[in-house]
Amino acid sequence: MRFSLFVHMERWDDSVSHRQLFENLTELTLMAEAGGFETVWVGEHHAMEYTISPSPMPLLGYLAGQTSTIRLGAGTIIAPFWNPIRAAGECALLDVISNGRMEVGLARGAYQIEFDRLAGGLSATEGGKHLRELVPAVRALWQGNYAHDGEIWQFPTATSVPKPVQQPTPPMWIAARDPDSHDFAVAQGCNVMVTPLMKDDDEVVDLKRKFDTAVDNHPEVPKPQIMVLRHTYVHPADEPDGWRPAAEGIQKFYRTFDAWFGNKTTPDNGFLEPSPESKFAERPEFSPESLHKTAMIGTPAEVIDRLKFYRDLGVDEFSFWTDNSLSHEQKRRSLQLFIDEVVPAFR
């Protein structure tokens, strides 16, 4: 089982500059590369300080020049916000810059607050149509001349300039949850990325089952891979309460996610206050005690045991999700512990 790093600049107040957050992200990426991680993933989000990434491409292009082995994943770009020609060209350019280290994940999008500002109020639930049209169009543009007459986009003959280094296509990933999404991804020859969010490992088993069903339904396609993304925090074994700051930080992250996802309040200069804890009084899965068990939080030995379960389940890649509202120093310490004490158990 491979490991990857899923990382954003996240800003919770104006005490840390964007430049410092950029340098912090770079440091974590270099640590991950030195620690043998396969890929660094950076997603796409707009006008929100707690997940800063209006485009993963410039960040990954910069990281390509700072690294030599780690692969560079745009994970994920939001299909309704990308014309196929632009998506194909920008991904291919990143592949050229990195000399064949680009990977791209695609998703339908989740935040209505972003769709209201970038897609004319299109319902976020309609993003699946764009995803299903974008993926084969990008693939075709990478191959050569291609004209498109779809429901969403129409354009005369065009091609991707440049062409990607990786042929016949760089790895493509689809963020999937429901069975139809898994089936679409596998049918297209795409890998699958899943996140159980705050659910327990039964959800991981269920997501893997959906993936396996899709694989079984498409024997004509070479078997793709599946990645599990989880909030991760490793604390020393001699700190029995070391889990609590991480669980509380991840709870704050999810309460902030809830505020943005709910789309009930106008952001103030890119910030929204987290939803109050009282809102989740009847939702035990949001409690720190529950998140301690569901997020990948624990001592190195505890994390190793859970990851071996994932490996034995057939998970190809585990992505260490750093976004958790904690300080850079806490993130750095956790990642270093993972590299020093967890990764060697899987070599």
Protein backbone atom coordinates (compact mmCIF):
# COMPACT_ATOMS: atom_id res chain seq x y z
CA MET A 1 0.00 0.00 0.00
CA ARG A 2 1.33 3.40 -1.06
CA PHE A 3 1.07 6.62 0.93
CA SER A 4 0.27 10.10 -0.31
CA LEU A 5 -0.15 13.54 1.25
CA PHE A 6 -3.37 15.51 0.84
CA VAL A 7 -2.64 19.10 1.79
CA HIS A 8 -3.97 22.64 1.51
CA MET A 9 -3.09 26.01 2.85
CA GLU A 10 -5.70 26.56 5.58
CA ARG A 11 -6.11 29.91 7.32
CA TRP A 12 -8.26 30.39 10.40
CA ASP A 13 -7.49 34.05 11.14
CA ASP A 14 -5.13 36.77 9.92
CA SER A 15 -2.27 35.85 12.27
CA VAL A 16 -0.55 33.75 9.58
CA SER A 17 0.16 35.21 6.14
CA HIS A 18 -0.65 33.47 2.89
CA ARG A 19 3.05 33.48 2.06
CA GLN A 20 3.84 31.62 5.28
CA LEU A 21 1.12 29.08 4.55
CA PHE A 22 2.63 28.53 1.09
CA GLU A 23 6.04 27.91 2.63
CA ASN A 24 4.46 25.55 5.17
CA LEU A 25 2.77 23.53 2.42
CA THR A 26 6.08 23.31 0.56
CA GLU A 27 7.86 22.07 3.68
CA LEU A 28 5.28 19.33 4.28
CA THR A 29 5.56 18.24 0.64
CA LEU A 30 9.36 18.00 0.84
CA MET A 31 9.03 15.99 4.06
CA ALA A 32 6.61 13.62 2.35
CA GLU A 33 8.93 13.13 -0.61
CA ALA A 34 11.91 12.44 1.65
CA GLY A 35 9.71 10.03 3.60
CA GLY A 36 8.86 7.95 0.54
CA PHE A 37 5.35 9.20 -0.14
CA GLU A 38 4.15 8.47 -3.66
CA THR A 39 2.06 11.60 -4.38
CA VAL A 40 1.11 15.01 -3.04
CA TRP A 41 -2.52 15.98 -3.70
CA VAL A 42 -3.85 19.55 -3.80
CA GLY A 43 -7.51 20.26 -4.51
CA GLU A 44 -9.58 23.16 -5.85
CA HIS A 45 -11.66 25.53 -3.74
CA HIS A 46 -12.64 29.14 -4.22
CA ALA A 47 -12.93 32.19 -1.98
CA MET A 48 -12.67 30.24 1.30
CA GLU A 49 -9.76 30.85 3.64
CA TYR A 50 -10.02 27.52 5.41
CA THR A 51 -9.18 25.63 2.20
CA ILE A 52 -7.02 27.87 0.00
CA SER A 53 -6.55 26.57 -3.53
CA PRO A 54 -8.20 28.51 -6.36
CA SER A 55 -6.26 26.22 -8.70
CA PRO A 56 -3.94 23.35 -7.85
CA MET A 57 -1.94 23.91 -11.04
CA PRO A 58 0.37 26.80 -10.01
CA LEU A 59 1.03 25.17 -6.63
CA LEU A 60 1.88 21.84 -8.24
CA GLY A 61 3.92 23.52 -10.97
CA TYR A 62 6.03 25.18 -8.28
CA LEU A 63 6.36 21.92 -6.35
CA ALA A 64 7.47 20.18 -9.54
CA GLY A 65 10.55 22.41 -9.53
CA GLN A 66 11.27 21.75 -5.86
CA THR A 67 10.95 17.96 -6.00
CA SER A 68 12.26 15.10 -8.09
CA THR A 69 10.35 11.90 -7.29
CA ILE A 70 6.99 12.64 -5.67
CA ARG A 71 4.04 12.62 -8.07
CA LEU A 72 1.87 15.73 -8.34
CA GLY A 73 -1.86 15.21 -8.01
CA ALA A 74 -4.57 17.75 -8.76
CA GLY A 75 -7.09 16.25 -6.43
CA THR A 76 -9.66 17.20 -7.29
CA ILE A 77 -10.51 19.71 -9.96
CA ILE A 78 -14.21 20.61 -10.05
CA ALA A 79 -15.63 19.54 -13.39
CA PRO A 80 -18.28 22.27 -13.88
CA PHE A 81 -15.61 24.97 -13.52
CA TRP A 82 -13.37 23.64 -16.33
CA ASN A 83 -13.74 23.68 -20.10
CA PRO A 84 -12.35 20.36 -21.44
CA ILE A 85 -9.75 22.13 -23.60
CA ARG A 86 -8.46 24.12 -20.64
CA ALA A 87 -8.43 21.05 -18.38
CA ALA A 88 -6.56 18.94 -20.93
CA GLY A 89 -4.01 21.66 -21.68
CA GLU A 90 -3.28 22.66 -18.08
CA CYS A 91 -2.93 19.06 -16.91
CA ALA A 92 -0.67 18.22 -19.85
CA LEU A 93 1.47 21.29 -19.19
CA LEU A 94 1.92 20.18 -15.57
CA ASP A 95 2.93 16.76 -16.88
CA VAL A 96 5.56 18.38 -19.12
CA ILE A 97 6.84 20.64 -16.32
CA SER A 98 7.14 17.65 -13.95
CA ASN A 99 8.49 15.27 -16.62
CA GLY A 100 5.64 12.82 -16.34
CA ARG A 101 4.66 13.07 -12.67
CA MET A 102 1.17 14.55 -13.06
CA GLU A 103 -2.02 12.84 -11.88
CA VAL A 104 -5.47 14.39 -11.98
CA GLY A 105 -8.54 13.73 -9.89
CA LEU A 106 -11.93 15.01 -10.96
CA ALA A 107 -15.09 15.60 -8.95
CA ARG A 108 -18.56 16.96 -9.51
CA GLY A 109 -18.17 19.58 -6.75
CA ALA A 110 -19.89 19.89 -3.39
CA TYR A 111 -20.22 23.48 -2.16
CA GLN A 112 -23.28 25.29 -3.51
CA ILE A 113 -21.64 28.48 -2.28
CA GLU A 114 -18.97 28.01 -4.98
CA PHE A 115 -21.49 27.15 -7.70
CA ASP A 116 -23.44 30.31 -6.89
CA ARG A 117 -20.32 32.35 -7.63
CA LEU A 118 -18.61 30.42 -10.42
CA ALA A 119 -21.36 28.55 -12.23
CA GLY A 120 -24.27 30.98 -12.32
CA GLY A 121 -26.13 29.26 -9.51
CA LEU A 122 -26.11 25.83 -11.14
CA SER A 123 -27.14 23.26 -8.55
CA ALA A 124 -24.12 21.44 -7.18
CA THR A 125 -26.06 18.20 -7.55
CA GLU A 126 -25.98 18.75 -11.33
CA GLY A 127 -22.18 18.64 -11.41
CA GLY A 128 -22.19 14.94 -12.19
CA LYS A 129 -23.30 15.67 -15.76
CA HIS A 130 -20.24 17.86 -16.27
CA LEU A 131 -17.96 15.21 -14.79
CA ARG A 132 -19.29 12.51 -17.09
CA GLU A 133 -18.82 14.73 -20.14
CA LEU A 134 -15.44 16.15 -19.14
CA VAL A 135 -13.51 12.91 -18.54
CA PRO A 136 -13.81 11.32 -22.01
CA ALA A 137 -13.37 14.71 -23.70
CA VAL A 138 -10.08 15.36 -21.89
CA ARG A 139 -8.87 11.89 -22.79
CA ALA A 140 -9.71 12.46 -26.46
CA LEU A 141 -8.00 15.87 -26.54
CA TRP A 142 -4.82 14.33 -25.15
CA GLN A 143 -4.78 11.91 -28.08
CA GLY A 144 -5.13 14.43 -30.92
CA ASN A 145 -7.73 16.20 -33.03
CA TYR A 146 -11.15 16.13 -31.42
CA ALA A 147 -14.43 18.00 -31.92
CA HIS A 148 -17.08 17.91 -29.21
CA ASP A 149 -20.84 18.30 -29.40
CA GLY A 150 -22.10 17.54 -25.91
CA GLU A 151 -24.91 18.62 -23.65
CA ILE A 152 -22.65 20.97 -21.67
CA TRP A 153 -19.84 21.93 -24.06
CA GLN A 154 -19.60 22.28 -27.82
CA PHE A 155 -16.45 23.13 -29.76
CA PRO A 156 -14.99 22.47 -33.22
CA THR A 157 -11.85 20.43 -33.80
CA ALA A 158 -9.20 21.14 -31.20
CA THR A 159 -6.44 19.30 -29.37
CA SER A 160 -4.46 19.49 -26.17
CA VAL A 161 -1.38 21.66 -26.49
CA PRO A 162 0.96 20.54 -25.11
CA LYS A 163 0.47 16.78 -25.05
CA PRO A 164 1.20 14.95 -21.80
CA VAL A 165 4.49 13.14 -21.34
CA GLN A 166 2.71 10.05 -19.97
CA GLN A 167 1.13 8.02 -22.75
CA PRO A 168 -1.45 6.94 -23.63
CA THR A 169 -2.81 8.99 -20.72
CA PRO A 170 -1.71 10.25 -17.32
CA PRO A 171 -3.50 8.61 -14.37
CA MET A 172 -7.02 9.95 -13.89
CA TRP A 173 -8.97 9.57 -10.66
CA ILE A 174 -12.67 10.06 -9.91
CA ALA A 175 -13.97 11.06 -6.49
CA ALA A 176 -16.74 8.50 -5.95
CA ARG A 177 -19.29 7.64 -3.29
CA ASP A 178 -22.43 6.10 -4.80
CA PRO A 179 -22.39 2.93 -6.94
CA ASP A 180 -23.03 4.85 -10.18
CA SER A 181 -19.95 7.00 -9.62
CA HIS A 182 -17.80 3.93 -9.00
CA ASP A 183 -19.21 2.28 -12.13
CA PHE A 184 -18.58 5.36 -14.28
CA ALA A 185 -14.99 5.67 -13.03
CA VAL A 186 -14.11 2.04 -13.66
CA ALA A 187 -15.83 1.98 -17.05
CA GLN A 188 -13.70 4.97 -18.07
CA GLY A 189 -10.51 3.27 -16.88
CA CYS A 190 -10.09 5.79 -14.06
CA ASN A 191 -8.83 5.12 -10.56
CA VAL A 192 -11.19 5.84 -7.65
CA MET A 193 -10.63 8.11 -4.65
CA VAL A 194 -12.95 7.83 -1.66
CA THR A 195 -13.27 9.45 1.75
CA PRO A 196 -15.34 8.02 4.61
CA LEU A 197 -15.29 11.48 6.26
CA MET A 198 -16.36 11.08 9.90
CA LYS A 199 -17.76 7.56 9.46
CA ASP A 200 -16.06 4.47 10.86
CA ASP A 201 -14.21 1.74 8.99
CA ASP A 202 -17.46 -0.02 8.08
CA GLU A 203 -17.82 2.83 5.59
CA VAL A 204 -14.40 1.99 4.14
CA VAL A 205 -15.52 -1.62 3.74
CA ASP A 206 -18.72 -0.45 2.01
CA LEU A 207 -16.88 1.91 -0.35
CA LYS A 208 -14.44 -0.87 -1.24
CA ARG A 209 -17.40 -3.18 -1.90
CA LYS A 210 -18.89 -0.64 -4.33
CA PHE A 211 -15.53 -0.37 -6.06
CA ASP A 212 -15.16 -4.16 -6.30
CA THR A 213 -18.67 -4.45 -7.75
CA ALA A 214 -17.81 -1.90 -10.43
CA VAL A 215 -14.59 -3.77 -11.23
CA ASP A 216 -16.49 -7.04 -11.54
CA ASN A 217 -18.99 -5.35 -13.87
CA HIS A 218 -16.22 -4.27 -16.25
CA PRO A 219 -13.88 -7.20 -16.89
CA GLU A 220 -12.91 -5.58 -20.19
CA VAL A 221 -11.11 -2.76 -18.33
CA PRO A 222 -7.67 -3.24 -16.72
CA LYS A 223 -8.27 -3.14 -12.97
CA PRO A 224 -7.95 0.44 -11.67
CA GLN A 225 -6.80 1.42 -8.19
CA ILE A 226 -8.57 2.75 -5.12
CA MET A 227 -7.35 5.39 -2.69
CA VAL A 228 -8.76 6.10 0.77
CA LEU A 229 -8.43 9.65 2.10
CA ARG A 230 -8.66 10.23 5.87
CA HIS A 231 -7.85 13.01 8.30
CA THR A 232 -4.65 11.70 9.90
CA TYR A 233 -2.77 12.62 13.06
CA VAL A 234 -0.09 10.57 14.82
CA HIS A 235 0.91 11.35 18.39
CA PRO A 236 3.67 9.83 20.55
CA ALA A 237 2.87 6.71 22.54
CA ASP A 238 3.90 8.45 25.77
CA GLU A 239 1.17 11.10 25.33
CA PRO A 240 -2.03 9.19 26.20
CA ASP A 241 -4.16 12.30 25.67
CA GLY A 242 -2.31 13.31 22.50
CA TRP A 243 -5.35 12.40 20.44
CA ARG A 244 -7.56 15.10 21.92
CA PRO A 245 -6.09 18.22 20.25
CA ALA A 246 -6.30 16.45 16.90
CA ALA A 247 -9.88 15.27 17.44
CA GLU A 248 -10.95 18.75 18.55
CA GLY A 249 -9.14 20.31 15.60
CA ILE A 250 -10.81 17.97 13.13
CA GLN A 251 -14.17 18.68 14.77
CA LYS A 252 -13.56 22.39 14.19
CA PHE A 253 -12.70 21.59 10.56
CA TYR A 254 -16.00 19.70 10.10
CA ARG A 255 -18.00 22.42 11.86
CA THR A 256 -16.47 24.90 9.42
CA PHE A 257 -17.21 22.56 6.53
CA ASP A 258 -20.81 22.48 7.74
CA ALA A 259 -21.02 26.28 7.75
CA TRP A 260 -19.75 26.52 4.17
CA PHE A 261 -21.77 23.56 2.95
CA GLY A 262 -24.95 24.92 4.53
CA ASN A 263 -24.65 28.14 2.49
CA LYS A 264 -26.79 30.06 5.00
CA THR A 265 -24.40 32.94 5.75
CA THR A 266 -22.47 35.33 3.52
CA PRO A 267 -18.72 34.88 4.05
CA ASP A 268 -16.83 37.85 5.46
CA ASN A 269 -13.60 38.37 3.55
CA GLY A 270 -13.28 34.64 2.95
CA PHE A 271 -14.07 33.55 6.52
CA LEU A 272 -17.09 31.82 8.04
CA GLU A 273 -17.41 31.01 11.70
CA PRO A 274 -17.68 27.26 12.41
CA SER A 275 -21.18 26.02 13.11
CA PRO A 276 -21.68 25.95 16.90
CA GLU A 277 -21.01 22.72 18.76
CA SER A 278 -24.57 22.84 20.07
CA LYS A 279 -25.84 22.15 16.53
CA PHE A 280 -24.31 18.69 16.73
CA ALA A 281 -25.55 17.74 20.20
CA GLU A 282 -27.60 14.92 18.65
CA ARG A 283 -24.86 13.92 16.22
CA PRO A 284 -22.40 11.80 18.21
CA GLU A 285 -20.22 11.17 15.14
CA PHE A 286 -19.04 14.79 15.43
CA SER A 287 -17.82 14.47 19.02
CA PRO A 288 -14.05 14.44 19.66
CA GLU A 289 -14.39 11.01 21.27
CA SER A 290 -15.99 9.61 18.12
CA LEU A 291 -13.55 11.35 15.78
CA HIS A 292 -10.71 9.85 17.81
CA LYS A 293 -11.95 6.45 16.61
CA THR A 294 -13.04 7.30 13.06
CA ALA A 295 -10.35 9.70 11.86
CA MET A 296 -6.89 8.15 11.56
CA ILE A 297 -5.77 9.44 14.97
CA GLY A 298 -3.54 7.49 17.30
CA THR A 299 -0.11 6.31 18.31
CA PRO A 300 2.11 4.83 15.61
CA ALA A 301 1.15 1.30 16.69
CA GLU A 302 -2.58 2.10 16.60
CA VAL A 303 -2.31 3.70 13.17
CA ILE A 304 -0.28 0.77 11.82
CA ASP A 305 -2.96 -1.70 12.94
CA ARG A 306 -5.74 0.20 11.16
CA LEU A 307 -3.69 0.72 8.01
CA LYS A 308 -2.89 -2.99 7.84
CA PHE A 309 -6.65 -3.58 7.85
CA TYR A 310 -6.95 -1.20 4.88
CA ARG A 311 -4.08 -2.92 3.10
CA ASP A 312 -5.60 -6.35 3.64
CA LEU A 313 -8.92 -4.99 2.37
CA GLY A 314 -7.19 -4.23 -0.92
CA VAL A 315 -6.71 -0.47 -0.64
CA ASP A 316 -3.92 0.59 -3.03
CA GLU A 317 -3.19 4.03 -1.60
CA PHE A 318 -3.81 5.73 1.72
CA SER A 319 -3.76 9.51 1.65
CA PHE A 320 -2.65 11.34 4.79
CA TRP A 321 -5.08 14.30 4.96
CA THR A 322 -3.41 17.13 6.85
CA ASP A 323 -6.28 19.64 6.92
CA ASN A 324 -7.35 19.78 10.57
CA SER A 325 -7.22 23.42 11.81
CA LEU A 326 -4.06 22.69 13.86
CA SER A 327 -0.79 24.62 13.72
CA HIS A 328 1.95 23.91 11.24
CA GLU A 329 4.19 22.71 14.06
CA GLN A 330 1.60 20.13 15.11
CA LYS A 331 1.14 18.96 11.52
CA ARG A 332 4.88 18.71 10.96
CA ARG A 333 5.39 16.64 14.11
CA SER A 334 2.54 14.30 13.22
CA LEU A 335 3.80 13.79 9.66
CA GLN A 336 7.34 13.13 10.87
CA LEU A 337 6.10 10.50 13.33
CA PHE A 338 4.14 8.85 10.51
CA ILE A 339 7.24 8.82 8.29
CA ASP A 340 9.57 7.56 11.02
CA GLU A 341 7.38 4.96 12.71
CA VAL A 342 4.43 4.05 10.47
CA VAL A 343 5.78 3.95 6.91
CA PRO A 344 8.56 1.42 7.70
CA ALA A 345 5.91 -1.13 8.70
CA PHE A 346 4.71 -1.20 5.07
CA ARG A 347 8.04 -1.43 3.28
